[in-house]
Amino acid sequence: MSAWHEAGRSALPPPRPVAQHADESQVALDVRRSFHAWDAALVGDVHLRQAQLSDLLCGTLRAYPYLHYYQGLHDIVAVILLTMCPTPTWPSDAVRERVQTVVHYVCLMLVRDDMTTDLLPAMAQMKLVLHIVRAADAPYAYALERTFGSSHIVVVLPWLLTLLTHDAPSLAVAQHVVTFVLEHGPASMLYVCAALVLAQKEGALHVVDDMPLLHQHLAQAPRTHMTSGAQPILTAAASLMQTYSLECPVVCAHRVLSRDSVLFTWPRTDVDVAHILSLPTSHLVLDAAPTPREHPRVVVAPRLRPLRRVLRLWRGPPTLWVSSLSLLLGGSVLSLLLAMHVASAPYART
């Protein structure tokens, strides 16, 4: 857990405390739904845990009021709390401060792009997940894109927003994933999501023409591949990170998110977070729309170009290809060449 201790000792931007944050009412709603999915023996008294969780969330929001709460952040903080404080009451002020510092760090250094005024940065991250899948397995990625069309593969959104803590099959798996992201940075979560999508390939191809079934199948990836542990998926994610960097020609993260994104500023702590979050998200996000598939250009060898001209006859007006076919079957070579020339005229193209 060295990554947790490093996060707890990090030099963070100075706080700008306020008495109350505007998002605290939403925090209260989400806190009431927390801890019920975990083993009661690990959680202890749910109400005491919820009070701790509320204090931590509001503590970060009040210290850095330019951060905006989003649904799902409470799942991450709940895992941090259960990991760093095994009892439902604070053993000491020092323990509480260490846990609070880690929550500060996660919000400012790992999920900051999601704590803007809207989910546009999260949409951009979903786009990058598909780019990573493209880099690793282009035919599979194109099959997914045909089904989802111009929409994002939204099944990965809760994985990104909660660092998989909401969908993890156990607390141990959730802890392992958060540790991985603490060690490797916020971009590593993109590769974890891509690894999960790639792991579901075999079954996905059987339902790739049915969007609801495909979405359901992909959503089962964490429980299908991580019930016995997170290591295989995290190993696959690490391999993807090493092979396909953010700036590789297929991923092209620098064309999707600006250099102020948390993907590029981590692990620096000297970033002017308040300034970045004061700007519209359009400053942060360069292009969040799904990238259409680029069909490769087919280079035709010179010796095959006459044949291509013959094939263009089938794209022209019916009278043209009928007459050309008759020439091909019974006319002279000169007539055939004339037909080929006519077929290549502008009006014969679509």
Protein backbone atom coordinates (compact mmCIF):
# COMPACT_ATOMS: atom_id res chain seq x y z
CA MET A 1 0.00 0.00 0.00
CA SER A 2 2.97 2.33 -0.51
CA ALA A 3 0.98 4.25 -3.13
CA TRP A 4 -1.63 5.09 -0.50
CA HIS A 5 1.02 6.42 1.89
CA GLU A 6 2.64 8.47 -0.88
CA ALA A 7 -0.74 10.00 -1.71
CA GLY A 8 -1.22 10.81 1.96
CA ARG A 9 2.08 12.71 2.05
CA SER A 10 1.67 14.60 -1.22
CA ALA A 11 2.09 18.36 -1.44
CA LEU A 12 -1.27 19.55 -2.74
CA PRO A 13 -2.54 22.99 -3.82
CA PRO A 14 -3.40 25.23 -0.86
CA PRO A 15 -7.04 24.91 0.18
CA ARG A 16 -9.56 27.72 -0.22
CA PRO A 17 -11.98 26.74 2.54
CA VAL A 18 -15.65 27.66 2.57
CA ALA A 19 -18.31 26.99 5.18
CA GLN A 20 -20.48 24.89 2.87
CA HIS A 21 -20.31 23.59 -0.69
CA ALA A 22 -23.24 23.84 -3.10
CA ASP A 23 -23.15 20.10 -3.87
CA GLU A 24 -23.55 18.85 -0.31
CA SER A 25 -27.23 18.02 -0.77
CA GLN A 26 -26.33 15.54 -3.51
CA VAL A 27 -23.56 14.15 -1.32
CA ALA A 28 -26.13 13.45 1.40
CA LEU A 29 -28.33 11.53 -1.05
CA ASP A 30 -25.48 9.34 -2.25
CA VAL A 31 -24.06 8.72 1.20
CA ARG A 32 -27.36 7.18 2.29
CA ARG A 33 -26.93 4.56 -0.45
CA SER A 34 -23.35 3.72 0.50
CA PHE A 35 -21.80 0.60 2.06
CA HIS A 36 -24.79 -1.68 1.54
CA ALA A 37 -23.04 -3.64 -1.24
CA TRP A 38 -20.02 -4.61 0.87
CA ASP A 39 -19.67 -7.37 3.43
CA ALA A 40 -21.19 -6.16 6.70
CA ALA A 41 -18.26 -7.62 8.65
CA LEU A 42 -15.87 -5.35 6.75
CA VAL A 43 -18.05 -2.27 7.06
CA GLY A 44 -19.21 -2.40 10.65
CA ASP A 45 -21.88 0.08 11.73
CA VAL A 46 -23.27 1.46 8.47
CA HIS A 47 -24.54 4.71 9.99
CA LEU A 48 -21.18 5.51 11.55
CA ARG A 49 -19.45 4.73 8.28
CA GLN A 50 -21.83 7.00 6.41
CA ALA A 51 -21.06 9.82 8.84
CA GLN A 52 -17.33 9.33 8.19
CA LEU A 53 -17.91 9.25 4.44
CA SER A 54 -19.97 12.45 4.52
CA ASP A 55 -17.24 14.21 6.51
CA LEU A 56 -14.57 13.19 4.00
CA LEU A 57 -16.54 14.21 0.91
CA CYS A 58 -17.66 17.52 2.35
CA GLY A 59 -14.17 18.09 3.74
CA THR A 60 -12.62 17.97 0.26
CA LEU A 61 -15.39 19.99 -1.38
CA ARG A 62 -15.17 22.70 1.28
CA ALA A 63 -11.37 22.81 1.09
CA TYR A 64 -11.43 23.07 -2.72
CA PRO A 65 -14.80 24.65 -3.58
CA TYR A 66 -14.00 24.85 -7.30
CA LEU A 67 -14.35 21.06 -7.46
CA HIS A 68 -17.81 19.79 -8.41
CA TYR A 69 -19.17 16.59 -6.90
CA TYR A 70 -20.45 13.86 -9.23
CA GLN A 71 -22.40 10.70 -8.49
CA GLY A 72 -19.96 7.85 -8.12
CA LEU A 73 -17.25 9.75 -6.29
CA HIS A 74 -18.71 8.45 -3.03
CA ASP A 75 -17.89 4.87 -4.11
CA ILE A 76 -14.20 5.73 -4.48
CA VAL A 77 -14.06 7.53 -1.14
CA ALA A 78 -15.88 4.66 0.57
CA VAL A 79 -13.15 2.25 -0.58
CA ILE A 80 -10.45 4.68 0.62
CA LEU A 81 -12.17 4.91 4.00
CA LEU A 82 -12.52 1.14 4.44
CA THR A 83 -8.90 0.63 3.39
CA MET A 84 -7.27 3.25 5.59
CA CYS A 85 -9.57 3.16 8.60
CA PRO A 86 -10.71 -0.37 9.58
CA THR A 87 -13.00 0.93 12.36
CA PRO A 88 -16.26 2.89 11.98
CA THR A 89 -14.92 5.60 14.26
CA TRP A 90 -11.75 7.62 13.85
CA PRO A 91 -8.94 6.15 16.00
CA SER A 92 -7.28 9.56 16.11
CA ASP A 93 -7.23 12.95 14.42
CA ALA A 94 -4.00 11.96 12.69
CA VAL A 95 -5.69 9.00 10.98
CA ARG A 96 -8.60 11.16 9.90
CA GLU A 97 -6.22 13.76 8.44
CA ARG A 98 -4.28 11.13 6.50
CA VAL A 99 -7.47 9.71 5.02
CA GLN A 100 -8.70 13.19 4.17
CA THR A 101 -5.40 13.98 2.42
CA VAL A 102 -5.73 10.88 0.25
CA VAL A 103 -9.27 11.94 -0.69
CA HIS A 104 -7.89 15.38 -1.59
CA TYR A 105 -5.23 13.73 -3.71
CA VAL A 106 -7.65 11.46 -5.57
CA CYS A 107 -9.99 14.36 -6.36
CA LEU A 108 -7.28 16.79 -7.44
CA MET A 109 -4.85 14.40 -9.14
CA LEU A 110 -6.82 11.40 -10.43
CA VAL A 111 -10.48 12.25 -11.12
CA ARG A 112 -10.20 16.03 -11.49
CA ASP A 113 -11.42 15.94 -15.11
CA ASP A 114 -14.69 14.44 -13.85
CA MET A 115 -15.12 17.13 -11.18
CA THR A 116 -15.86 19.87 -13.72
CA THR A 117 -19.22 21.47 -14.40
CA ASP A 118 -20.32 18.72 -16.79
CA LEU A 119 -19.43 15.25 -18.06
CA LEU A 120 -17.80 16.37 -21.31
CA PRO A 121 -14.32 15.28 -20.12
CA ALA A 122 -15.73 11.88 -19.18
CA MET A 123 -17.15 11.57 -22.68
CA ALA A 124 -13.68 12.30 -24.05
CA GLN A 125 -12.21 9.58 -21.84
CA MET A 126 -14.78 7.09 -23.15
CA LYS A 127 -13.63 7.98 -26.64
CA LEU A 128 -10.03 7.26 -25.66
CA VAL A 129 -10.97 3.85 -24.26
CA LEU A 130 -12.30 2.87 -27.67
CA HIS A 131 -9.16 4.26 -29.31
CA ILE A 132 -7.08 1.93 -27.13
CA VAL A 133 -9.29 -1.00 -28.13
CA ARG A 134 -8.80 0.05 -31.76
CA ALA A 135 -5.05 0.06 -31.33
CA ALA A 136 -5.08 -3.43 -29.82
CA ASP A 137 -7.76 -5.06 -31.99
CA ALA A 138 -9.09 -2.91 -34.83
CA PRO A 139 -11.61 -5.45 -36.30
CA TYR A 140 -13.20 -5.95 -32.87
CA ALA A 141 -13.34 -2.19 -32.25
CA TYR A 142 -14.98 -1.63 -35.64
CA ALA A 143 -17.55 -4.31 -34.86
CA LEU A 144 -18.42 -2.49 -31.63
CA GLU A 145 -18.61 0.83 -33.45
CA ARG A 146 -21.00 -0.54 -36.05
CA THR A 147 -23.38 -1.50 -33.26
CA PHE A 148 -23.10 1.63 -31.17
CA GLY A 149 -23.04 3.89 -34.22
CA SER A 150 -22.38 7.52 -33.37
CA SER A 151 -22.80 6.87 -29.63
CA HIS A 152 -20.13 6.24 -27.04
CA ILE A 153 -19.76 2.80 -25.47
CA VAL A 154 -21.35 4.11 -22.30
CA VAL A 155 -20.88 0.81 -20.48
CA VAL A 156 -17.39 2.04 -19.50
CA LEU A 157 -18.66 5.32 -18.00
CA PRO A 158 -19.32 4.01 -14.45
CA TRP A 159 -15.98 2.17 -14.55
CA LEU A 160 -14.21 5.44 -15.32
CA LEU A 161 -16.15 7.62 -12.89
CA THR A 162 -15.78 5.26 -9.94
CA LEU A 163 -12.38 3.71 -10.76
CA LEU A 164 -14.36 0.45 -10.96
CA THR A 165 -15.24 0.60 -7.26
CA HIS A 166 -18.96 0.48 -8.00
CA ASP A 167 -18.78 -2.62 -10.23
CA ALA A 168 -15.94 -4.50 -8.55
CA PRO A 169 -17.05 -7.96 -7.37
CA SER A 170 -15.34 -7.51 -3.99
CA LEU A 171 -13.74 -4.88 -1.80
CA ALA A 172 -10.35 -6.53 -2.33
CA VAL A 173 -10.66 -6.11 -6.11
CA ALA A 174 -11.74 -2.48 -5.70
CA GLN A 175 -8.74 -1.83 -3.46
CA HIS A 176 -6.41 -3.47 -5.98
CA VAL A 177 -7.72 -1.31 -8.84
CA VAL A 178 -7.48 1.93 -6.85
CA THR A 179 -3.93 1.00 -5.83
CA PHE A 180 -3.07 0.41 -9.49
CA VAL A 181 -4.40 3.85 -10.47
CA LEU A 182 -2.57 5.51 -7.56
CA GLU A 183 0.67 3.91 -8.75
CA HIS A 184 0.28 4.46 -12.51
CA GLY A 185 -1.80 7.62 -12.74
CA PRO A 186 -5.27 8.52 -14.00
CA ALA A 187 -4.60 7.39 -17.59
CA SER A 188 -4.16 3.83 -16.33
CA MET A 189 -7.91 3.62 -15.72
CA LEU A 190 -8.51 4.03 -19.46
CA TYR A 191 -6.37 0.96 -20.06
CA VAL A 192 -8.15 -1.04 -17.35
CA CYS A 193 -11.45 -0.30 -19.11
CA ALA A 194 -9.99 -1.24 -22.48
CA ALA A 195 -8.61 -4.49 -21.04
CA LEU A 196 -12.09 -5.39 -19.74
CA VAL A 197 -13.71 -4.67 -23.11
CA LEU A 198 -11.06 -6.74 -24.89
CA ALA A 199 -11.51 -9.59 -22.40
CA GLN A 200 -15.20 -9.81 -23.38
CA LYS A 201 -14.47 -10.11 -27.09
CA GLU A 202 -15.42 -13.75 -27.63
CA GLY A 203 -18.92 -13.46 -26.23
CA ALA A 204 -19.40 -9.93 -27.57
CA LEU A 205 -18.99 -11.03 -31.18
CA HIS A 206 -21.97 -13.38 -30.77
CA VAL A 207 -24.30 -10.49 -29.84
CA VAL A 208 -22.56 -7.67 -31.69
CA ASP A 209 -25.64 -6.95 -33.82
CA ASP A 210 -27.90 -6.41 -30.79
CA MET A 211 -27.02 -3.27 -28.84
CA PRO A 212 -28.94 -4.08 -25.60
CA LEU A 213 -27.46 -7.58 -25.42
CA LEU A 214 -23.99 -6.27 -26.29
CA HIS A 215 -24.20 -3.61 -23.60
CA GLN A 216 -25.35 -6.18 -21.05
CA HIS A 217 -22.57 -8.57 -22.01
CA LEU A 218 -19.85 -5.92 -21.75
CA ALA A 219 -21.23 -4.69 -18.40
CA GLN A 220 -20.62 -8.16 -16.94
CA ALA A 221 -16.87 -7.95 -17.63
CA PRO A 222 -15.76 -7.01 -14.07
CA ARG A 223 -17.58 -9.93 -12.46
CA THR A 224 -16.68 -12.32 -15.28
CA HIS A 225 -12.96 -11.60 -15.24
CA MET A 226 -12.23 -10.25 -11.75
CA THR A 227 -14.20 -12.41 -9.34
CA SER A 228 -11.11 -14.44 -8.54
CA GLY A 229 -8.88 -11.38 -8.47
CA ALA A 230 -7.91 -8.23 -10.33
CA GLN A 231 -4.39 -9.19 -11.33
CA PRO A 232 -5.04 -10.68 -14.82
CA ILE A 233 -6.93 -7.60 -15.99
CA LEU A 234 -4.43 -5.22 -14.40
CA THR A 235 -1.57 -7.10 -16.04
CA ALA A 236 -3.33 -6.78 -19.39
CA ALA A 237 -3.90 -3.07 -18.73
CA ALA A 238 -0.22 -2.55 -17.92
CA SER A 239 0.74 -4.29 -21.17
CA LEU A 240 -1.64 -2.06 -23.14
CA MET A 241 -0.13 1.02 -21.47
CA GLN A 242 3.35 -0.04 -22.43
CA THR A 243 2.41 -0.88 -26.03
CA TYR A 244 -0.04 1.92 -26.84
CA SER A 245 0.86 5.18 -25.15
CA LEU A 246 -1.56 8.09 -24.91
CA GLU A 247 0.16 9.78 -27.83
CA CYS A 248 0.53 6.80 -30.13
CA PRO A 249 -0.94 7.37 -33.64
CA VAL A 250 -4.15 5.47 -32.87
CA VAL A 251 -4.89 6.66 -29.32
CA CYS A 252 -4.01 10.34 -29.98
CA ALA A 253 -5.12 11.53 -26.53
CA HIS A 254 -3.53 14.94 -27.15
CA ARG A 255 -6.12 15.53 -29.88
CA VAL A 256 -9.01 14.65 -27.60
CA LEU A 257 -8.04 16.38 -24.33
CA SER A 258 -5.87 19.44 -23.80
CA ARG A 259 -2.58 19.45 -21.91
CA ASP A 260 -4.46 20.73 -18.86
CA SER A 261 -6.20 17.38 -18.54
CA VAL A 262 -5.30 15.33 -15.50
CA LEU A 263 -4.11 12.65 -17.93
CA PHE A 264 -1.17 14.89 -18.86
CA THR A 265 -0.50 16.84 -15.67
CA TRP A 266 -0.13 13.83 -13.34
CA PRO A 267 1.99 13.41 -11.22
CA ARG A 268 2.78 17.14 -10.98
CA THR A 269 1.35 18.92 -7.96
CA ASP A 270 2.24 22.45 -9.08
CA VAL A 271 -0.75 22.72 -11.43
CA ASP A 272 -3.10 25.68 -11.06
CA VAL A 273 -6.18 23.53 -10.55
CA ALA A 274 -8.42 26.44 -9.62
CA HIS A 275 -7.64 28.19 -12.90
CA ILE A 276 -8.16 25.05 -14.98
CA LEU A 277 -11.54 24.36 -13.41
CA SER A 278 -12.61 28.00 -13.74
CA LEU A 279 -12.53 27.65 -17.53
CA PRO A 280 -15.32 26.08 -19.62
CA THR A 281 -14.90 22.38 -20.23
CA SER A 282 -14.57 23.20 -23.92
CA HIS A 283 -11.08 24.46 -23.00
CA LEU A 284 -10.25 21.07 -21.52
CA VAL A 285 -11.91 18.90 -24.16
CA LEU A 286 -10.75 19.29 -27.72
CA ASP A 287 -12.94 16.63 -29.36
CA ALA A 288 -15.29 14.39 -27.39
CA ALA A 289 -17.33 13.05 -30.32
CA PRO A 290 -16.74 9.42 -31.26
CA THR A 291 -14.17 9.15 -34.04
CA PRO A 292 -15.69 7.68 -37.20
CA ARG A 293 -13.96 4.70 -38.70
CA GLU A 294 -11.45 5.70 -41.34
CA HIS A 295 -11.67 3.29 -44.27
CA PRO A 296 -8.19 2.57 -45.66
CA ARG A 297 -7.51 3.70 -49.20
CA VAL A 298 -7.06 0.82 -51.60
CA VAL A 299 -4.05 1.32 -53.86
CA VAL A 300 -4.69 -0.27 -57.25
CA ALA A 301 -1.70 -1.61 -59.13
CA PRO A 302 -1.20 -0.01 -62.61
CA ARG A 303 -1.84 -3.32 -64.36
CA LEU A 304 -5.27 -3.57 -62.67
CA ARG A 305 -6.45 -0.06 -63.50
CA PRO A 306 -8.09 -1.03 -66.83
CA LEU A 307 -10.03 -3.70 -64.95
CA ARG A 308 -11.14 -1.11 -62.42
CA ARG A 309 -12.45 1.03 -65.25
CA VAL A 310 -14.44 -1.92 -66.53
CA LEU A 311 -15.92 -2.45 -63.08
CA ARG A 312 -16.96 1.21 -62.96
CA LEU A 313 -19.38 0.44 -65.75
CA TRP A 314 -21.63 -1.16 -63.16
CA ARG A 315 -21.83 2.17 -61.31
CA GLY A 316 -22.93 4.15 -64.37
CA PRO A 317 -26.34 4.53 -66.06
CA PRO A 318 -28.00 1.23 -67.12
CA THR A 319 -27.80 2.10 -70.82
CA LEU A 320 -24.07 2.61 -70.50
CA TRP A 321 -23.25 -0.71 -68.86
CA VAL A 322 -25.62 -2.67 -71.15
CA SER A 323 -24.00 -1.24 -74.26
CA SER A 324 -20.56 -1.73 -72.82
CA LEU A 325 -21.33 -5.34 -71.96
CA SER A 326 -22.40 -5.95 -75.56
CA LEU A 327 -19.16 -4.45 -76.75
CA LEU A 328 -17.24 -6.67 -74.37
CA LEU A 329 -18.92 -9.78 -75.70
CA GLY A 330 -18.98 -9.05 -79.42
CA GLY A 331 -17.29 -5.77 -80.24
CA SER A 332 -13.78 -4.90 -81.20
CA VAL A 333 -10.93 -4.01 -78.86
CA LEU A 334 -11.22 -0.40 -79.99
CA SER A 335 -14.92 -0.32 -79.03
CA LEU A 336 -14.11 -1.81 -75.65
CA LEU A 337 -11.47 0.85 -74.97
CA LEU A 338 -13.96 3.53 -75.98
CA ALA A 339 -16.51 2.12 -73.53
CA MET A 340 -13.91 2.11 -70.78
CA HIS A 341 -13.10 5.75 -71.51
CA VAL A 342 -16.78 6.70 -71.35
CA ALA A 343 -17.17 4.81 -68.07
CA SER A 344 -14.43 6.91 -66.52
CA ALA A 345 -16.16 10.20 -67.46
CA PRO A 346 -17.44 12.31 -64.54
CA TYR A 347 -21.11 11.49 -65.11
CA ALA A 348 -20.39 7.78 -64.78
CA ARG A 349 -19.12 8.16 -61.20
CA THR A 350 -21.10 8.29 -57.99
